[in-house]
Amino acid sequence: MAKKSGKRKKKVEVVFLVCEETGDYNYTIRRKTGGEKLKLKKFCPRLQRHTIHNEKKK
């Protein structure tokens, strides 16, 4: 019998980045659980410019 390697799966969650101005769900990302909520400046296709996007779970 072969031994299984001792690797563990990393805890990852799928979160959405929601535009602060339009409320659109523009991006999905996979990140490690825990930590602070993300707040990034990303491109919003509806407004055709960069806006603040906040992390939101399902």
N, C-alpha and C. Protein backbone atom coordinates (compact mmCIF):
# COMPACT_ATOMS: atom_id res chain seq x y z
N MET A 1 0.83 -1.19 0.00
CA MET A 1 0.00 0.00 0.00
C MET A 1 0.87 1.25 0.00
N ALA A 2 0.49 2.20 -0.81
CA ALA A 2 1.23 3.45 -0.87
C ALA A 2 0.66 4.44 0.14
N LYS A 3 1.54 5.20 0.76
CA LYS A 3 1.09 6.20 1.72
C LYS A 3 0.60 7.45 1.01
N LYS A 4 -0.40 8.06 1.56
CA LYS A 4 -0.88 9.34 1.02
C LYS A 4 0.04 10.44 1.49
N SER A 5 0.25 11.41 0.63
CA SER A 5 1.12 12.53 1.05
C SER A 5 0.42 13.34 2.13
N GLY A 6 1.19 14.03 2.94
CA GLY A 6 0.65 14.76 4.07
C GLY A 6 0.13 16.15 3.74
N LYS A 7 -0.17 16.40 2.46
CA LYS A 7 -0.65 17.73 2.09
C LYS A 7 -2.10 17.92 2.54
N ARG A 8 -2.38 19.10 3.03
CA ARG A 8 -3.75 19.43 3.42
C ARG A 8 -4.31 20.43 2.44
N LYS A 9 -5.60 20.41 2.26
CA LYS A 9 -6.24 21.40 1.40
C LYS A 9 -6.32 22.72 2.14
N LYS A 10 -6.03 23.80 1.43
CA LYS A 10 -6.10 25.12 2.04
C LYS A 10 -7.56 25.57 2.08
N LYS A 11 -7.91 26.26 3.14
CA LYS A 11 -9.27 26.77 3.27
C LYS A 11 -9.40 28.00 2.38
N VAL A 12 -10.25 27.91 1.38
CA VAL A 12 -10.44 28.99 0.42
C VAL A 12 -11.93 29.27 0.31
N GLU A 13 -12.28 30.55 0.19
CA GLU A 13 -13.68 30.92 0.02
C GLU A 13 -13.81 31.79 -1.22
N VAL A 14 -14.96 31.72 -1.86
CA VAL A 14 -15.24 32.55 -3.02
C VAL A 14 -15.99 33.78 -2.53
N VAL A 15 -15.48 34.96 -2.88
CA VAL A 15 -16.13 36.21 -2.50
C VAL A 15 -16.32 37.06 -3.74
N PHE A 16 -17.28 37.96 -3.68
CA PHE A 16 -17.58 38.86 -4.78
C PHE A 16 -17.07 40.25 -4.47
N LEU A 17 -16.67 40.98 -5.50
CA LEU A 17 -16.33 42.39 -5.35
C LEU A 17 -17.48 43.18 -5.95
N VAL A 18 -18.12 44.00 -5.11
CA VAL A 18 -19.32 44.73 -5.49
C VAL A 18 -18.98 46.21 -5.61
N CYS A 19 -19.41 46.82 -6.71
CA CYS A 19 -19.18 48.24 -6.93
C CYS A 19 -19.95 49.05 -5.90
N GLU A 20 -19.26 50.01 -5.28
CA GLU A 20 -19.88 50.83 -4.25
C GLU A 20 -20.94 51.77 -4.83
N GLU A 21 -20.75 52.22 -6.06
CA GLU A 21 -21.66 53.20 -6.66
C GLU A 21 -22.87 52.57 -7.34
N THR A 22 -22.68 51.47 -8.09
CA THR A 22 -23.79 50.87 -8.82
C THR A 22 -24.39 49.65 -8.12
N GLY A 23 -23.61 48.99 -7.26
CA GLY A 23 -24.09 47.78 -6.59
C GLY A 23 -23.95 46.54 -7.45
N ASP A 24 -23.25 46.64 -8.59
CA ASP A 24 -23.06 45.50 -9.49
C ASP A 24 -21.99 44.55 -8.94
N TYR A 25 -22.22 43.25 -9.15
CA TYR A 25 -21.23 42.22 -8.80
C TYR A 25 -20.31 42.06 -10.01
N ASN A 26 -19.19 42.77 -10.03
CA ASN A 26 -18.32 42.77 -11.20
C ASN A 26 -17.23 41.72 -11.18
N TYR A 27 -16.75 41.31 -10.01
CA TYR A 27 -15.62 40.39 -9.92
C TYR A 27 -15.89 39.31 -8.88
N THR A 28 -15.36 38.11 -9.14
CA THR A 28 -15.35 37.05 -8.13
C THR A 28 -13.90 36.66 -7.92
N ILE A 29 -13.53 36.41 -6.68
CA ILE A 29 -12.17 36.00 -6.37
C ILE A 29 -12.19 34.90 -5.34
N ARG A 30 -11.12 34.11 -5.34
CA ARG A 30 -10.93 33.06 -4.32
C ARG A 30 -9.85 33.55 -3.39
N ARG A 31 -10.14 33.54 -2.09
CA ARG A 31 -9.14 34.00 -1.13
C ARG A 31 -9.22 33.15 0.13
N LYS A 32 -8.15 33.23 0.93
CA LYS A 32 -8.11 32.48 2.19
C LYS A 32 -9.15 33.03 3.15
N THR A 33 -9.66 32.18 4.00
CA THR A 33 -10.66 32.61 4.97
C THR A 33 -10.02 33.50 6.02
N GLY A 34 -10.84 34.32 6.65
CA GLY A 34 -10.35 35.20 7.71
C GLY A 34 -9.74 36.47 7.13
N GLY A 35 -9.22 37.29 8.00
CA GLY A 35 -8.61 38.54 7.55
C GLY A 35 -9.65 39.63 7.40
N GLU A 36 -9.17 40.81 7.02
CA GLU A 36 -10.06 41.95 6.85
C GLU A 36 -10.77 41.88 5.51
N LYS A 37 -11.90 42.59 5.42
CA LYS A 37 -12.62 42.65 4.16
C LYS A 37 -11.83 43.48 3.17
N LEU A 38 -11.87 43.05 1.91
CA LEU A 38 -11.13 43.76 0.87
C LEU A 38 -11.89 45.01 0.44
N LYS A 39 -11.13 46.03 0.09
CA LYS A 39 -11.69 47.26 -0.45
C LYS A 39 -10.71 47.71 -1.52
N LEU A 40 -11.03 47.43 -2.78
CA LEU A 40 -10.10 47.68 -3.88
C LEU A 40 -10.68 48.65 -4.89
N LYS A 41 -9.81 49.33 -5.60
CA LYS A 41 -10.23 50.20 -6.68
C LYS A 41 -10.12 49.40 -7.98
N LYS A 42 -11.27 49.06 -8.56
CA LYS A 42 -11.32 48.23 -9.77
C LYS A 42 -12.16 48.93 -10.83
N PHE A 43 -12.10 48.43 -12.06
CA PHE A 43 -12.84 49.02 -13.17
C PHE A 43 -14.30 48.58 -13.13
N CYS A 44 -15.20 49.54 -13.27
CA CYS A 44 -16.64 49.26 -13.33
C CYS A 44 -17.09 49.43 -14.78
N PRO A 45 -17.52 48.34 -15.44
CA PRO A 45 -17.90 48.43 -16.85
C PRO A 45 -19.09 49.35 -17.11
N ARG A 46 -20.03 49.41 -16.18
CA ARG A 46 -21.21 50.24 -16.40
C ARG A 46 -20.86 51.73 -16.41
N LEU A 47 -20.00 52.14 -15.48
CA LEU A 47 -19.62 53.55 -15.38
C LEU A 47 -18.41 53.91 -16.26
N GLN A 48 -17.75 52.89 -16.80
CA GLN A 48 -16.57 53.07 -17.65
C GLN A 48 -15.44 53.82 -16.94
N ARG A 49 -15.27 53.54 -15.63
CA ARG A 49 -14.18 54.15 -14.87
C ARG A 49 -13.89 53.30 -13.65
N HIS A 50 -12.80 53.62 -12.96
CA HIS A 50 -12.41 52.88 -11.76
C HIS A 50 -13.18 53.41 -10.55
N THR A 51 -13.73 52.49 -9.76
CA THR A 51 -14.46 52.85 -8.54
C THR A 51 -14.03 51.91 -7.42
N ILE A 52 -14.45 52.24 -6.21
CA ILE A 52 -14.17 51.39 -5.05
C ILE A 52 -15.09 50.16 -5.10
N HIS A 53 -14.51 48.98 -4.91
CA HIS A 53 -15.27 47.72 -4.85
C HIS A 53 -15.04 47.10 -3.48
N ASN A 54 -16.12 46.67 -2.82
CA ASN A 54 -16.07 46.05 -1.52
C ASN A 54 -16.30 44.56 -1.62
N GLU A 55 -15.71 43.82 -0.70
CA GLU A 55 -15.89 42.38 -0.65
C GLU A 55 -17.26 42.05 -0.07
N LYS A 56 -17.91 41.07 -0.68
CA LYS A 56 -19.20 40.61 -0.16
C LYS A 56 -19.31 39.11 -0.39
N LYS A 57 -19.74 38.38 0.63
CA LYS A 57 -19.95 36.96 0.48
C LYS A 57 -21.34 36.75 -0.09
N LYS A 58 -21.58 35.56 -0.65
CA LYS A 58 -22.88 35.22 -1.24
C LYS A 58 -23.95 36.04 -0.66
